[in-house]
Amino acid sequence: MAFILNPDGTTTPKPDGPKPDGQAPGGAATPPAGADGALIKDSDTRTFVQDVIEASMEVPVLVDFWASWCGPCKQLTPVLEKLVLQAGGLVKLVKVNADENQDLCQQLRVQSLPTVYAFKGGQPVDAFMGALPESQVKAFIEKLTDGAKAPLDQALEQGQAALAAGENDLALEIFKEIQAQDPANDAAISGILRAQIALGMLAEAEEILTSLPANLRVKADIEAAASALELAKEIGQTGDPAELRARLDANPKDNQARFDLALALFARSDAEGAIDELLELVRRDRAWNDEAARKQLVKVFDTLGGAHELTVAGRRRLSSVLFS
């Protein structure tokens, strides 16, 4: 079924005309392979109905109105392209040069650039103006696709689940496959680093970390993985927990023994015990060794992750100690 774009932006079915040669039964033309299968394409007034209205009957379509002189457009369009490709077919992107298609802009009441319309079922259903942050654009797309997960997002969840289950080899393989498709995916890079740390591949993790460009190195999840790597290297130098506990029993003021005990406990997967000892050291002597206990707690929290129950409780306890 074909559609007519009305002046108010709505659409109405276009009456069927004579069927051209090669049209499939039922009225739907069968295009050459790949003719309309591209996830990202340019459009204009002449092809808008086909590229957007008709295409949105099958999958949601984002329409990016841009201009060559528009600075924010140059920021937004690459973000849209990246997220649409990551969505793996859940949504398409159509780009329209506003200067060359002013009649179309008037019909859709485009008043500033960039403007992005979302079409679904042949109708405009949502829109936004301006160069939104990537996270907000992603949320916009997820809303448009009814929360459906993009293939890369599903793979990331599988990788995280494997990592949490201790299946580190599998997690490493999944994260590497994701990065092969999206080299700048910071979540995948962080996953690779964490899997390598868990497998004892500290030198390999260090090599990846030092090779990252500055814009990736400062991403929160990669910084957290870097903290985990530093902690793993420090843990490799810890002693026996029983011996360290004996030193503390003999001298509770032995700050170094308490600090080393915390590292030894964390190395043996006793994160709760490690946090307890570090908090006790902060309580006893916050300034010791240039606030080493507090800084180590931050590394532990980063390694566990901000949503971990021990991190949430530990940060609350740390604040109580620091500000009591």
Protein backbone atom coordinates (compact mmCIF):
# COMPACT_ATOMS: atom_id res chain seq x y z
CA MET A 1 0.00 0.00 0.00
CA ALA A 2 1.25 3.47 -0.89
CA PHE A 3 0.72 6.62 1.14
CA ILE A 4 0.28 10.35 0.63
CA LEU A 5 2.01 12.79 3.01
CA ASN A 6 -0.51 15.42 4.11
CA PRO A 7 0.43 19.06 4.87
CA ASP A 8 -0.07 18.46 8.62
CA GLY A 9 2.43 15.61 8.67
CA THR A 10 -0.15 12.80 8.79
CA THR A 11 -0.55 10.21 6.05
CA THR A 12 -3.45 8.66 4.18
CA PRO A 13 -3.53 5.58 1.94
CA LYS A 14 -3.01 6.28 -1.73
CA PRO A 15 -5.51 4.61 -4.06
CA ASP A 16 -4.10 1.66 -5.93
CA GLY A 17 -3.30 2.34 -9.55
CA PRO A 18 -2.43 -0.03 -12.36
CA LYS A 19 0.08 -2.62 -11.25
CA PRO A 20 3.42 -2.31 -13.05
CA ASP A 21 5.21 -5.30 -14.43
CA GLY A 22 7.04 -7.31 -11.81
CA GLN A 23 4.70 -6.35 -8.97
CA ALA A 24 3.97 -9.12 -6.53
CA PRO A 25 0.38 -10.34 -5.97
CA GLY A 26 -1.47 -8.23 -3.40
CA GLY A 27 -0.06 -4.96 -4.69
CA ALA A 28 3.39 -4.93 -3.05
CA ALA A 29 6.21 -4.36 -5.44
CA THR A 30 9.18 -6.65 -5.08
CA PRO A 31 12.29 -4.43 -5.13
CA PRO A 32 15.66 -5.64 -6.28
CA ALA A 33 17.72 -7.24 -3.51
CA GLY A 34 19.15 -4.57 -1.23
CA ALA A 35 17.25 -1.73 -2.87
CA ASP A 36 15.49 -0.65 0.31
CA GLY A 37 17.33 -2.78 2.83
CA ALA A 38 19.91 -0.20 3.89
CA LEU A 39 19.68 0.85 7.52
CA ILE A 40 20.94 4.36 6.73
CA LYS A 41 20.11 6.33 3.62
CA ASP A 42 19.58 9.84 2.27
CA SER A 43 16.16 10.95 1.12
CA ASP A 44 14.33 13.93 -0.34
CA THR A 45 10.81 15.11 -1.10
CA ARG A 46 10.59 12.84 -4.12
CA THR A 47 11.40 9.59 -2.26
CA PHE A 48 10.24 10.47 1.26
CA VAL A 49 7.01 8.48 1.12
CA GLN A 50 8.82 5.33 0.07
CA ASP A 51 11.88 5.80 2.29
CA VAL A 52 10.00 6.82 5.44
CA ILE A 53 6.21 6.41 5.35
CA GLU A 54 6.09 3.02 3.67
CA ALA A 55 9.29 1.77 5.31
CA SER A 56 7.96 2.62 8.78
CA MET A 57 5.12 0.15 8.26
CA GLU A 58 7.77 -2.56 8.67
CA VAL A 59 10.25 -1.02 11.10
CA PRO A 60 10.48 2.35 12.93
CA VAL A 61 12.31 5.04 10.97
CA LEU A 62 14.24 8.01 12.33
CA VAL A 63 14.34 11.06 10.06
CA ASP A 64 17.29 13.37 10.64
CA PHE A 65 16.79 16.88 9.24
CA TRP A 66 20.22 18.48 8.89
CA ALA A 67 22.17 21.16 7.02
CA SER A 68 25.82 21.50 6.06
CA TRP A 69 26.19 24.76 8.02
CA CYS A 70 24.67 23.32 11.21
CA GLY A 71 27.32 22.55 13.84
CA PRO A 72 25.05 20.53 16.18
CA CYS A 73 23.95 18.46 13.17
CA LYS A 74 27.55 17.37 12.68
CA GLN A 75 27.59 16.21 16.31
CA LEU A 76 24.26 14.39 16.25
CA THR A 77 24.31 12.58 12.90
CA PRO A 78 27.31 10.31 13.73
CA VAL A 79 25.62 9.37 17.02
CA LEU A 80 22.41 8.47 15.19
CA GLU A 81 24.33 6.42 12.64
CA LYS A 82 26.25 4.57 15.33
CA LEU A 83 23.17 3.69 17.38
CA VAL A 84 21.10 2.67 14.35
CA LEU A 85 23.85 0.31 13.22
CA GLN A 86 24.14 -1.08 16.73
CA ALA A 87 20.38 -1.68 16.80
CA GLY A 88 20.91 -4.27 14.10
CA GLY A 89 17.73 -3.70 12.09
CA LEU A 90 15.35 -2.68 14.87
CA VAL A 91 15.24 0.84 13.44
CA LYS A 92 16.31 2.69 10.28
CA LEU A 93 17.74 6.17 9.73
CA VAL A 94 16.80 8.48 6.87
CA LYS A 95 18.74 11.74 6.46
CA VAL A 96 17.14 14.77 4.82
CA ASN A 97 19.02 17.91 3.80
CA ALA A 98 16.76 20.68 5.10
CA ASP A 99 18.12 23.34 2.71
CA GLU A 100 17.32 21.19 -0.32
CA ASN A 101 13.90 20.03 0.91
CA GLN A 102 12.24 23.10 2.39
CA ASP A 103 8.73 22.06 1.33
CA LEU A 104 9.11 18.86 3.32
CA CYS A 105 10.40 20.81 6.32
CA GLN A 106 7.33 23.05 6.16
CA GLN A 107 4.98 20.08 6.01
CA LEU A 108 6.56 18.57 9.11
CA ARG A 109 6.96 21.98 10.80
CA VAL A 110 10.72 21.68 11.20
CA GLN A 111 11.66 24.95 12.92
CA SER A 112 15.25 24.34 14.01
CA LEU A 113 18.13 22.03 13.21
CA PRO A 114 18.85 19.35 13.89
CA THR A 115 15.34 17.93 14.22
CA VAL A 116 14.71 14.20 14.40
CA TYR A 117 11.28 12.71 13.73
CA ALA A 118 10.36 9.14 14.58
CA PHE A 119 7.93 7.41 12.22
CA LYS A 120 6.10 4.21 13.07
CA GLY A 121 3.22 2.60 11.28
CA GLY A 122 3.29 5.30 8.63
CA GLN A 123 2.86 8.17 11.09
CA PRO A 124 5.17 10.54 13.01
CA VAL A 125 4.99 9.39 16.65
CA ASP A 126 7.77 11.30 18.39
CA ALA A 127 10.48 13.89 17.81
CA PHE A 128 13.30 15.83 19.40
CA MET A 129 15.37 18.88 18.52
CA GLY A 130 19.03 19.61 19.16
CA ALA A 131 22.13 17.46 19.58
CA LEU A 132 21.13 15.27 22.53
CA PRO A 133 23.75 13.21 24.40
CA GLU A 134 24.22 9.67 23.15
CA SER A 135 22.53 8.18 26.21
CA GLN A 136 19.37 10.19 25.58
CA VAL A 137 19.31 9.32 21.90
CA LYS A 138 19.68 5.64 22.82
CA ALA A 139 16.77 5.94 25.27
CA PHE A 140 14.71 7.60 22.52
CA ILE A 141 15.39 4.66 20.19
CA GLU A 142 14.64 2.08 22.89
CA LYS A 143 11.29 3.77 23.55
CA LEU A 144 10.54 3.73 19.83
CA THR A 145 11.33 0.01 19.58
CA ASP A 146 9.26 -0.82 22.67
CA GLY A 147 12.33 -1.66 24.70
CA ALA A 148 13.60 -4.33 22.32
CA LYS A 149 17.27 -5.05 22.89
CA ALA A 150 19.74 -4.49 20.09
CA PRO A 151 21.88 -7.54 19.22
CA LEU A 152 25.02 -5.91 20.63
CA ASP A 153 23.20 -5.06 23.87
CA GLN A 154 22.02 -8.66 24.15
CA ALA A 155 25.57 -9.87 23.59
CA LEU A 156 26.86 -7.48 26.26
CA GLU A 157 24.35 -8.90 28.74
CA GLN A 158 25.48 -12.42 27.87
CA GLY A 159 29.09 -11.43 28.39
CA GLN A 160 28.35 -9.82 31.74
CA ALA A 161 26.40 -12.90 32.83
CA ALA A 162 29.29 -15.17 31.86
CA LEU A 163 31.71 -12.94 33.77
CA ALA A 164 29.49 -12.97 36.87
CA ALA A 165 29.25 -16.77 36.67
CA GLY A 166 33.01 -17.12 36.52
CA GLU A 167 32.95 -18.33 32.90
CA ASN A 168 35.80 -16.01 32.06
CA ASP A 169 36.97 -17.69 28.85
CA LEU A 170 33.45 -17.47 27.41
CA ALA A 171 33.08 -13.87 28.57
CA LEU A 172 36.37 -12.92 26.93
CA GLU A 173 35.28 -14.49 23.65
CA ILE A 174 31.92 -12.68 23.69
CA PHE A 175 33.41 -9.29 24.49
CA LYS A 176 36.06 -9.68 21.78
CA GLU A 177 33.36 -10.47 19.21
CA ILE A 178 31.45 -7.36 20.24
CA GLN A 179 34.54 -5.18 19.93
CA ALA A 180 35.25 -6.63 16.50
CA GLN A 181 31.89 -5.21 15.39
CA ASP A 182 32.16 -1.99 17.39
CA PRO A 183 35.84 -1.18 18.11
CA ALA A 184 35.04 1.83 20.34
CA ASN A 185 32.46 0.03 22.50
CA ASP A 186 33.71 0.92 25.98
CA ALA A 187 31.53 -1.69 27.69
CA ALA A 188 33.06 -4.41 25.54
CA ILE A 189 36.59 -3.13 26.17
CA SER A 190 35.90 -3.04 29.89
CA GLY A 191 34.57 -6.59 29.69
CA ILE A 192 37.69 -7.77 27.89
CA LEU A 193 39.88 -6.19 30.57
CA ARG A 194 37.88 -7.70 33.44
CA ALA A 195 37.87 -11.15 31.85
CA GLN A 196 41.63 -10.99 31.30
CA ILE A 197 42.15 -9.88 34.91
CA ALA A 198 40.05 -12.80 36.15
CA LEU A 199 42.10 -15.17 33.98
CA GLY A 200 45.36 -13.76 35.33
CA MET A 201 46.24 -12.17 31.97
CA LEU A 202 47.44 -8.99 33.63
CA ALA A 203 50.15 -8.17 31.06
CA GLU A 204 47.64 -8.50 28.21
CA ALA A 205 45.16 -6.27 30.02
CA GLU A 206 47.87 -3.70 30.71
CA GLU A 207 48.82 -3.68 27.02
CA ILE A 208 45.22 -3.02 25.92
CA LEU A 209 44.74 -0.33 28.54
CA THR A 210 47.87 1.59 27.57
CA SER A 211 46.97 1.43 23.86
CA LEU A 212 43.54 3.05 24.30
CA PRO A 213 43.04 6.61 23.04
CA ALA A 214 42.38 9.27 25.66
CA ASN A 215 38.68 9.60 24.84
CA LEU A 216 38.14 5.92 25.69
CA ARG A 217 40.55 5.76 28.61
CA VAL A 218 38.42 8.23 30.60
CA LYS A 219 35.17 6.27 30.20
CA ALA A 220 33.79 5.33 33.62
CA ASP A 221 33.63 1.57 33.04
CA ILE A 222 37.16 1.50 31.59
CA GLU A 223 38.50 3.54 34.51
CA ALA A 224 36.82 1.02 36.82
CA ALA A 225 38.52 -1.83 34.95
CA ALA A 226 41.84 0.02 35.27
CA SER A 227 41.29 0.21 39.03
CA ALA A 228 40.58 -3.52 39.05
CA LEU A 229 43.85 -4.12 37.20
CA GLU A 230 45.82 -2.05 39.70
CA LEU A 231 44.17 -3.91 42.53
CA ALA A 232 44.96 -7.27 40.93
CA LYS A 233 48.64 -6.33 40.65
CA GLU A 234 48.73 -5.27 44.30
CA ILE A 235 46.95 -8.42 45.41
CA GLY A 236 49.65 -10.51 43.79
CA GLN A 237 52.05 -9.19 46.43
CA THR A 238 49.93 -10.04 49.50
CA GLY A 239 50.85 -12.46 52.25
CA ASP A 240 49.05 -15.24 54.12
CA PRO A 241 45.84 -14.04 55.87
CA ALA A 242 46.50 -16.19 58.95
CA GLU A 243 49.95 -14.69 59.46
CA LEU A 244 48.64 -11.16 58.93
CA ARG A 245 45.79 -11.80 61.38
CA ALA A 246 48.31 -13.02 63.94
CA ARG A 247 50.31 -9.80 63.53
CA LEU A 248 47.15 -7.77 64.13
CA ASP A 249 46.25 -9.80 67.20
CA ALA A 250 49.71 -9.03 68.59
CA ASN A 251 49.49 -5.37 67.62
CA PRO A 252 46.09 -3.93 66.57
CA LYS A 253 47.86 -0.68 65.62
CA ASP A 254 49.89 -2.39 62.88
CA ASN A 255 48.32 -0.48 59.99
CA GLN A 256 50.40 -2.15 57.32
CA ALA A 257 49.33 -5.59 58.50
CA ARG A 258 45.65 -4.55 58.42
CA PHE A 259 46.05 -3.07 54.94
CA ASP A 260 47.80 -6.20 53.64
CA LEU A 261 45.15 -8.39 55.28
CA ALA A 262 42.43 -6.52 53.39
CA LEU A 263 44.23 -7.18 50.09
CA ALA A 264 44.76 -10.83 50.97
CA LEU A 265 41.09 -11.27 51.84
CA PHE A 266 39.97 -9.64 48.60
CA ALA A 267 42.34 -11.89 46.65
CA ARG A 268 40.53 -14.86 48.20
CA SER A 269 37.09 -13.53 47.17
CA ASP A 270 36.26 -12.22 50.64
CA ALA A 271 35.29 -8.72 49.51
CA GLU A 272 33.17 -8.11 52.59
CA GLY A 273 36.06 -8.93 54.92
CA ALA A 274 38.40 -6.71 52.91
CA ILE A 275 35.98 -3.78 53.12
CA ASP A 276 35.60 -4.29 56.87
CA GLU A 277 39.35 -4.14 57.43
CA LEU A 278 39.84 -1.09 55.22
CA LEU A 279 36.98 0.74 56.92
CA GLU A 280 38.48 -0.08 60.30
CA LEU A 281 41.82 1.30 59.13
CA VAL A 282 40.15 4.52 57.95
CA ARG A 283 38.41 4.78 61.32
CA ARG A 284 41.66 4.24 63.24
CA ASP A 285 44.02 6.36 61.12
CA ARG A 286 42.48 8.01 58.08
CA ALA A 287 45.67 9.86 57.09
CA TRP A 288 47.93 6.78 57.25
CA ASN A 289 50.13 6.35 54.18
CA ASP A 290 48.49 9.22 52.30
CA GLU A 291 44.95 7.92 52.93
CA ALA A 292 45.86 4.54 51.44
CA ALA A 293 42.90 2.74 53.02
CA ARG A 294 40.31 5.15 51.63
CA LYS A 295 41.90 5.06 48.18
CA GLN A 296 41.98 1.26 48.29
CA LEU A 297 38.30 1.20 49.19
CA VAL A 298 37.55 3.24 46.09
CA LYS A 299 39.41 0.68 43.98
CA VAL A 300 37.48 -2.15 45.61
CA PHE A 301 34.16 -0.40 44.95
CA ASP A 302 35.14 0.26 41.34
CA THR A 303 36.09 -3.38 40.90
CA LEU A 304 32.83 -4.66 42.37
CA GLY A 305 30.76 -2.14 40.42
CA GLY A 306 28.61 0.73 41.61
CA ALA A 307 25.41 -1.35 41.84
CA HIS A 308 26.93 -4.17 43.92
CA GLU A 309 25.29 -4.44 47.35
CA LEU A 310 28.69 -4.42 49.08
CA THR A 311 29.62 -1.23 47.21
CA VAL A 312 26.38 0.51 48.13
CA ALA A 313 26.65 -0.47 51.79
CA GLY A 314 30.41 0.16 51.89
CA ARG A 315 30.12 3.68 50.51
CA ARG A 316 27.44 4.47 53.04
CA ARG A 317 29.65 3.18 55.86
CA LEU A 318 32.66 5.09 54.52
CA SER A 319 30.69 8.35 54.48
CA SER A 320 29.60 7.69 58.04
CA VAL A 321 33.22 7.20 59.15
CA LEU A 322 34.54 10.20 57.26
CA PHE A 323 31.90 12.64 58.41
CA SER A 324 31.22 11.43 61.94
